[in-house]
Amino acid sequence: MISGLCQGKLLAPLTFIGSCNRSLFEQWLAEKLIPELKSGQTVILDNATFHQSEKIRELIKS
């Protein structure tokens, strides 16, 4: 499961079978999380390898 967290509530939860990879994370970010974010909200990611791509940075900045 991956999701966002804001004020104690889950944002855009996604359950899946298997492990998360860059492709799944980018799709979830673009299709689920970003549409739910409000202007000015901050996205914090850990250092997982699949979090570190230029595409992810661009998606979050947009």
PDB file of N, CA and C in Angstrom:
ATOM      1  N   MET A   1       0.849  -1.180   0.000  1.00  0.00           N
ATOM      2  CA  MET A   1       0.000   0.000   0.000  1.00  0.00           C
ATOM      3  C   MET A   1       0.885   1.229   0.000  1.00  0.00           C
ATOM      4  N   ILE A   2       0.504   2.206  -0.793  1.00  0.00           N
ATOM      5  CA  ILE A   2       1.148   3.516  -0.738  1.00  0.00           C
ATOM      6  C   ILE A   2       0.044   4.557  -0.609  1.00  0.00           C
ATOM      7  N   SER A   3       0.356   5.647   0.062  1.00  0.00           N
ATOM      8  CA  SER A   3      -0.615   6.729   0.205  1.00  0.00           C
ATOM      9  C   SER A   3       0.108   7.980   0.666  1.00  0.00           C
ATOM     10  N   GLY A   4      -0.595   9.087   0.563  1.00  0.00           N
ATOM     11  CA  GLY A   4      -0.132  10.322   1.161  1.00  0.00           C
ATOM     12  C   GLY A   4      -0.742  10.421   2.549  1.00  0.00           C
ATOM     13  N   LEU A   5      -0.239  11.345   3.330  1.00  0.00           N
ATOM     14  CA  LEU A   5      -0.768  11.563   4.674  1.00  0.00           C
ATOM     15  C   LEU A   5      -0.834  13.063   4.919  1.00  0.00           C
ATOM     16  N   CYS A   6      -2.005  13.543   5.293  1.00  0.00           N
ATOM     17  CA  CYS A   6      -2.183  14.962   5.563  1.00  0.00           C
ATOM     18  C   CYS A   6      -3.143  15.116   6.733  1.00  0.00           C
ATOM     19  N   GLN A   7      -2.670  15.746   7.780  1.00  0.00           N
ATOM     20  CA  GLN A   7      -3.471  15.981   8.976  1.00  0.00           C
ATOM     21  C   GLN A   7      -4.122  14.702   9.486  1.00  0.00           C
ATOM     22  N   GLY A   8      -3.347  13.626   9.476  1.00  0.00           N
ATOM     23  CA  GLY A   8      -3.806  12.354  10.003  1.00  0.00           C
ATOM     24  C   GLY A   8      -4.731  11.560   9.093  1.00  0.00           C
ATOM     25  N   LYS A   9      -4.964  12.046   7.882  1.00  0.00           N
ATOM     26  CA  LYS A   9      -5.842  11.342   6.944  1.00  0.00           C
ATOM     27  C   LYS A   9      -5.044  10.875   5.736  1.00  0.00           C
ATOM     28  N   LEU A  10      -5.398   9.688   5.234  1.00  0.00           N
ATOM     29  CA  LEU A  10      -4.735   9.154   4.051  1.00  0.00           C
ATOM     30  C   LEU A  10      -5.229   9.865   2.797  1.00  0.00           C
ATOM     31  N   LEU A  11      -4.287  10.146   1.900  1.00  0.00           N
ATOM     32  CA  LEU A  11      -4.611  10.720   0.596  1.00  0.00           C
ATOM     33  C   LEU A  11      -4.252   9.709  -0.480  1.00  0.00           C
ATOM     34  N   ALA A  12      -5.124   9.481  -1.390  1.00  0.00           N
ATOM     35  CA  ALA A  12      -4.868   8.644  -2.563  1.00  0.00           C
ATOM     36  C   ALA A  12      -4.299   7.269  -2.220  1.00  0.00           C
ATOM     37  N   PRO A  13      -4.897   6.547  -1.285  1.00  0.00           N
ATOM     38  CA  PRO A  13      -4.353   5.226  -0.958  1.00  0.00           C
ATOM     39  C   PRO A  13      -4.448   4.267  -2.142  1.00  0.00           C
ATOM     40  N   LEU A  14      -3.428   3.456  -2.294  1.00  0.00           N
ATOM     41  CA  LEU A  14      -3.397   2.461  -3.365  1.00  0.00           C
ATOM     42  C   LEU A  14      -2.856   1.162  -2.796  1.00  0.00           C
ATOM     43  N   THR A  15      -3.609   0.101  -2.940  1.00  0.00           N
ATOM     44  CA  THR A  15      -3.119  -1.219  -2.551  1.00  0.00           C
ATOM     45  C   THR A  15      -2.767  -1.990  -3.815  1.00  0.00           C
ATOM     46  N   PHE A  16      -1.734  -2.792  -3.716  1.00  0.00           N
ATOM     47  CA  PHE A  16      -1.270  -3.560  -4.867  1.00  0.00           C
ATOM     48  C   PHE A  16      -0.593  -4.819  -4.372  1.00  0.00           C
ATOM     49  N   ILE A  17      -0.446  -5.775  -5.252  1.00  0.00           N
ATOM     50  CA  ILE A  17       0.240  -7.027  -4.931  1.00  0.00           C
ATOM     51  C   ILE A  17       1.668  -6.920  -5.433  1.00  0.00           C
ATOM     52  N   GLY A  18       2.621  -7.310  -4.605  1.00  0.00           N
ATOM     53  CA  GLY A  18       4.027  -7.250  -4.997  1.00  0.00           C
ATOM     54  C   GLY A  18       4.711  -6.041  -4.402  1.00  0.00           C
ATOM     55  N   SER A  19       5.840  -5.691  -4.989  1.00  0.00           N
ATOM     56  CA  SER A  19       6.601  -4.558  -4.466  1.00  0.00           C
ATOM     57  C   SER A  19       6.411  -3.341  -5.359  1.00  0.00           C
ATOM     58  N   CYS A  20       6.680  -2.186  -4.792  1.00  0.00           N
ATOM     59  CA  CYS A  20       6.540  -0.933  -5.523  1.00  0.00           C
ATOM     60  C   CYS A  20       7.818  -0.671  -6.314  1.00  0.00           C
ATOM     61  N   ASN A  21       7.666  -0.148  -7.519  1.00  0.00           N
ATOM     62  CA  ASN A  21       8.818   0.236  -8.328  1.00  0.00           C
ATOM     63  C   ASN A  21       8.571   1.642  -8.884  1.00  0.00           C
ATOM     64  N   ARG A  22       9.538   2.155  -9.624  1.00  0.00           N
ATOM     65  CA  ARG A  22       9.432   3.522 -10.137  1.00  0.00           C
ATOM     66  C   ARG A  22       8.200   3.706 -11.019  1.00  0.00           C
ATOM     67  N   SER A  23       7.927   2.755 -11.877  1.00  0.00           N
ATOM     68  CA  SER A  23       6.788   2.870 -12.785  1.00  0.00           C
ATOM     69  C   SER A  23       5.468   2.975 -12.022  1.00  0.00           C
ATOM     70  N   LEU A  24       5.266   2.092 -11.065  1.00  0.00           N
ATOM     71  CA  LEU A  24       4.046   2.121 -10.259  1.00  0.00           C
ATOM     72  C   LEU A  24       3.958   3.420  -9.465  1.00  0.00           C
ATOM     73  N   PHE A  25       5.065   3.833  -8.864  1.00  0.00           N
ATOM     74  CA  PHE A  25       5.067   5.050  -8.058  1.00  0.00           C
ATOM     75  C   PHE A  25       4.751   6.274  -8.914  1.00  0.00           C
ATOM     76  N   GLU A  26       5.371   6.378 -10.090  1.00  0.00           N
ATOM     77  CA  GLU A  26       5.109   7.517 -10.975  1.00  0.00           C
ATOM     78  C   GLU A  26       3.648   7.547 -11.412  1.00  0.00           C
ATOM     79  N   GLN A  27       3.088   6.391 -11.731  1.00  0.00           N
ATOM     80  CA  GLN A  27       1.682   6.324 -12.134  1.00  0.00           C
ATOM     81  C   GLN A  27       0.774   6.751 -10.986  1.00  0.00           C
ATOM     82  N   TRP A  28       1.035   6.249  -9.782  1.00  0.00           N
ATOM     83  CA  TRP A  28       0.233   6.619  -8.614  1.00  0.00           C
ATOM     84  C   TRP A  28       0.336   8.115  -8.346  1.00  0.00           C
ATOM     85  N   LEU A  29       1.547   8.634  -8.425  1.00  0.00           N
ATOM     86  CA  LEU A  29       1.765  10.053  -8.174  1.00  0.00           C
ATOM     87  C   LEU A  29       0.969  10.907  -9.164  1.00  0.00           C
ATOM     88  N   ALA A  30       1.099  10.603 -10.450  1.00  0.00           N
ATOM     89  CA  ALA A  30       0.445  11.393 -11.498  1.00  0.00           C
ATOM     90  C   ALA A  30      -1.074  11.252 -11.498  1.00  0.00           C
ATOM     91  N   GLU A  31      -1.567  10.032 -11.288  1.00  0.00           N
ATOM     92  CA  GLU A  31      -2.999   9.774 -11.439  1.00  0.00           C
ATOM     93  C   GLU A  31      -3.801   9.870 -10.148  1.00  0.00           C
ATOM     94  N   LYS A  32      -3.155   9.680  -9.018  1.00  0.00           N
ATOM     95  CA  LYS A  32      -3.891   9.622  -7.752  1.00  0.00           C
ATOM     96  C   LYS A  32      -3.529  10.753  -6.789  1.00  0.00           C
ATOM     97  N   LEU A  33      -2.240  10.872  -6.438  1.00  0.00           N
ATOM     98  CA  LEU A  33      -1.868  11.829  -5.392  1.00  0.00           C
ATOM     99  C   LEU A  33      -1.933  13.274  -5.869  1.00  0.00           C
ATOM    100  N   ILE A  34      -1.267  13.583  -6.971  1.00  0.00           N
ATOM    101  CA  ILE A  34      -1.192  14.978  -7.410  1.00  0.00           C
ATOM    102  C   ILE A  34      -2.571  15.605  -7.613  1.00  0.00           C
ATOM    103  N   PRO A  35      -3.531  14.899  -8.200  1.00  0.00           N
ATOM    104  CA  PRO A  35      -4.864  15.512  -8.329  1.00  0.00           C
ATOM    105  C   PRO A  35      -5.516  15.860  -6.982  1.00  0.00           C
ATOM    106  N   GLU A  36      -5.094  15.224  -5.902  1.00  0.00           N
ATOM    107  CA  GLU A  36      -5.675  15.497  -4.585  1.00  0.00           C
ATOM    108  C   GLU A  36      -4.935  16.584  -3.815  1.00  0.00           C
ATOM    109  N   LEU A  37      -3.740  16.957  -4.260  1.00  0.00           N
ATOM    110  CA  LEU A  37      -2.960  17.961  -3.539  1.00  0.00           C
ATOM    111  C   LEU A  37      -3.533  19.355  -3.754  1.00  0.00           C
ATOM    112  N   LYS A  38      -3.429  20.160  -2.705  1.00  0.00           N
ATOM    113  CA  LYS A  38      -3.838  21.559  -2.789  1.00  0.00           C
ATOM    114  C   LYS A  38      -2.587  22.414  -2.961  1.00  0.00           C
ATOM    115  N   SER A  39      -2.752  23.570  -3.550  1.00  0.00           N
ATOM    116  CA  SER A  39      -1.636  24.487  -3.751  1.00  0.00           C
ATOM    117  C   SER A  39      -0.932  24.769  -2.422  1.00  0.00           C
ATOM    118  N   GLY A  40       0.388  24.710  -2.435  1.00  0.00           N
ATOM    119  CA  GLY A  40       1.168  24.998  -1.237  1.00  0.00           C
ATOM    120  C   GLY A  40       1.496  23.790  -0.384  1.00  0.00           C
ATOM    121  N   GLN A  41       0.887  22.638  -0.651  1.00  0.00           N
ATOM    122  CA  GLN A  41       1.215  21.446   0.122  1.00  0.00           C
ATOM    123  C   GLN A  41       2.591  20.931  -0.282  1.00  0.00           C
ATOM    124  N   THR A  42       3.274  20.319   0.661  1.00  0.00           N
ATOM    125  CA  THR A  42       4.625  19.802   0.453  1.00  0.00           C
ATOM    126  C   THR A  42       4.587  18.288   0.359  1.00  0.00           C
ATOM    127  N   VAL A  43       5.383  17.745  -0.553  1.00  0.00           N
ATOM    128  CA  VAL A  43       5.524  16.296  -0.696  1.00  0.00           C
ATOM    129  C   VAL A  43       6.884  15.909  -0.134  1.00  0.00           C
ATOM    130  N   ILE A  44       6.895  14.987   0.812  1.00  0.00           N
ATOM    131  CA  ILE A  44       8.131  14.503   1.424  1.00  0.00           C
ATOM    132  C   ILE A  44       8.292  13.032   1.071  1.00  0.00           C
ATOM    133  N   LEU A  45       9.452  12.684   0.532  1.00  0.00           N
ATOM    134  CA  LEU A  45       9.751  11.307   0.143  1.00  0.00           C
ATOM    135  C   LEU A  45      10.983  10.823   0.892  1.00  0.00           C
ATOM    136  N   ASP A  46      11.068   9.526   1.115  1.00  0.00           N
ATOM    137  CA  ASP A  46      12.290   8.980   1.700  1.00  0.00           C
ATOM    138  C   ASP A  46      13.319   8.770   0.585  1.00  0.00           C
ATOM    139  N   ASN A  47      14.402   8.106   0.890  1.00  0.00           N
ATOM    140  CA  ASN A  47      15.491   7.939  -0.076  1.00  0.00           C
ATOM    141  C   ASN A  47      15.394   6.665  -0.910  1.00  0.00           C
ATOM    142  N   ALA A  48      14.215   6.099  -1.037  1.00  0.00           N
ATOM    143  CA  ALA A  48      14.065   4.915  -1.887  1.00  0.00           C
ATOM    144  C   ALA A  48      14.556   5.247  -3.294  1.00  0.00           C
ATOM    145  N   THR A  49      15.270   4.333  -3.901  1.00  0.00           N
ATOM    146  CA  THR A  49      15.850   4.564  -5.222  1.00  0.00           C
ATOM    147  C   THR A  49      14.804   5.004  -6.233  1.00  0.00           C
ATOM    148  N   PHE A  50      13.628   4.386  -6.206  1.00  0.00           N
ATOM    149  CA  PHE A  50      12.616   4.726  -7.203  1.00  0.00           C
ATOM    150  C   PHE A  50      11.968   6.086  -6.971  1.00  0.00           C
ATOM    151  N   HIS A  51      12.240   6.746  -5.854  1.00  0.00           N
ATOM    152  CA  HIS A  51      11.741   8.104  -5.621  1.00  0.00           C
ATOM    153  C   HIS A  51      12.621   9.152  -6.292  1.00  0.00           C
ATOM    154  N   GLN A  52      13.802   8.765  -6.708  1.00  0.00           N
ATOM    155  CA  GLN A  52      14.795   9.730  -7.169  1.00  0.00           C
ATOM    156  C   GLN A  52      14.911   9.738  -8.689  1.00  0.00           C
ATOM    157  N   SER A  53      13.982  10.404  -9.329  1.00  0.00           N
ATOM    158  CA  SER A  53      14.056  10.554 -10.781  1.00  0.00           C
ATOM    159  C   SER A  53      13.618  11.967 -11.145  1.00  0.00           C
ATOM    160  N   GLU A  54      14.097  12.425 -12.270  1.00  0.00           N
ATOM    161  CA  GLU A  54      13.727  13.759 -12.742  1.00  0.00           C
ATOM    162  C   GLU A  54      12.229  13.831 -13.029  1.00  0.00           C
ATOM    163  N   LYS A  55      11.655  12.766 -13.556  1.00  0.00           N
ATOM    164  CA  LYS A  55      10.218  12.756 -13.854  1.00  0.00           C
ATOM    165  C   LYS A  55       9.400  12.971 -12.584  1.00  0.00           C
ATOM    166  N   ILE A  56       9.804  12.336 -11.487  1.00  0.00           N
ATOM    167  CA  ILE A  56       9.082  12.504 -10.224  1.00  0.00           C
ATOM    168  C   ILE A  56       9.206  13.940  -9.736  1.00  0.00           C
ATOM    169  N   ARG A  57      10.397  14.521  -9.830  1.00  0.00           N
ATOM    170  CA  ARG A  57      10.571  15.927  -9.443  1.00  0.00           C
ATOM    171  C   ARG A  57       9.660  16.835 -10.272  1.00  0.00           C
ATOM    172  N   GLU A  58       9.608  16.588 -11.570  1.00  0.00           N
ATOM    173  CA  GLU A  58       8.769  17.399 -12.459  1.00  0.00           C
ATOM    174  C   GLU A  58       7.285  17.239 -12.129  1.00  0.00           C
ATOM    175  N   LEU A  59       6.854  16.017 -11.867  1.00  0.00           N
ATOM    176  CA  LEU A  59       5.450  15.786 -11.517  1.00  0.00           C
ATOM    177  C   LEU A  59       5.069  16.553 -10.257  1.00  0.00           C
ATOM    178  N   ILE A  60       5.931  16.525  -9.268  1.00  0.00           N
ATOM    179  CA  ILE A  60       5.632  17.183  -7.996  1.00  0.00           C
ATOM    180  C   ILE A  60       5.639  18.699  -8.145  1.00  0.00           C
ATOM    181  N   LYS A  61       6.557  19.226  -8.928  1.00  0.00           N
ATOM    182  CA  LYS A  61       6.640  20.680  -9.112  1.00  0.00           C
ATOM    183  C   LYS A  61       5.477  21.241  -9.914  1.00  0.00           C
ATOM    184  N   SER A  62       4.855  20.414 -10.737  1.00  0.00           N
ATOM    185  CA  SER A  62       3.783  20.922 -11.619  1.00  0.00           C
ATOM    186  C   SER A  62       2.490  21.211 -10.886  1.00  0.00           C
TER     187      SER A  62
END
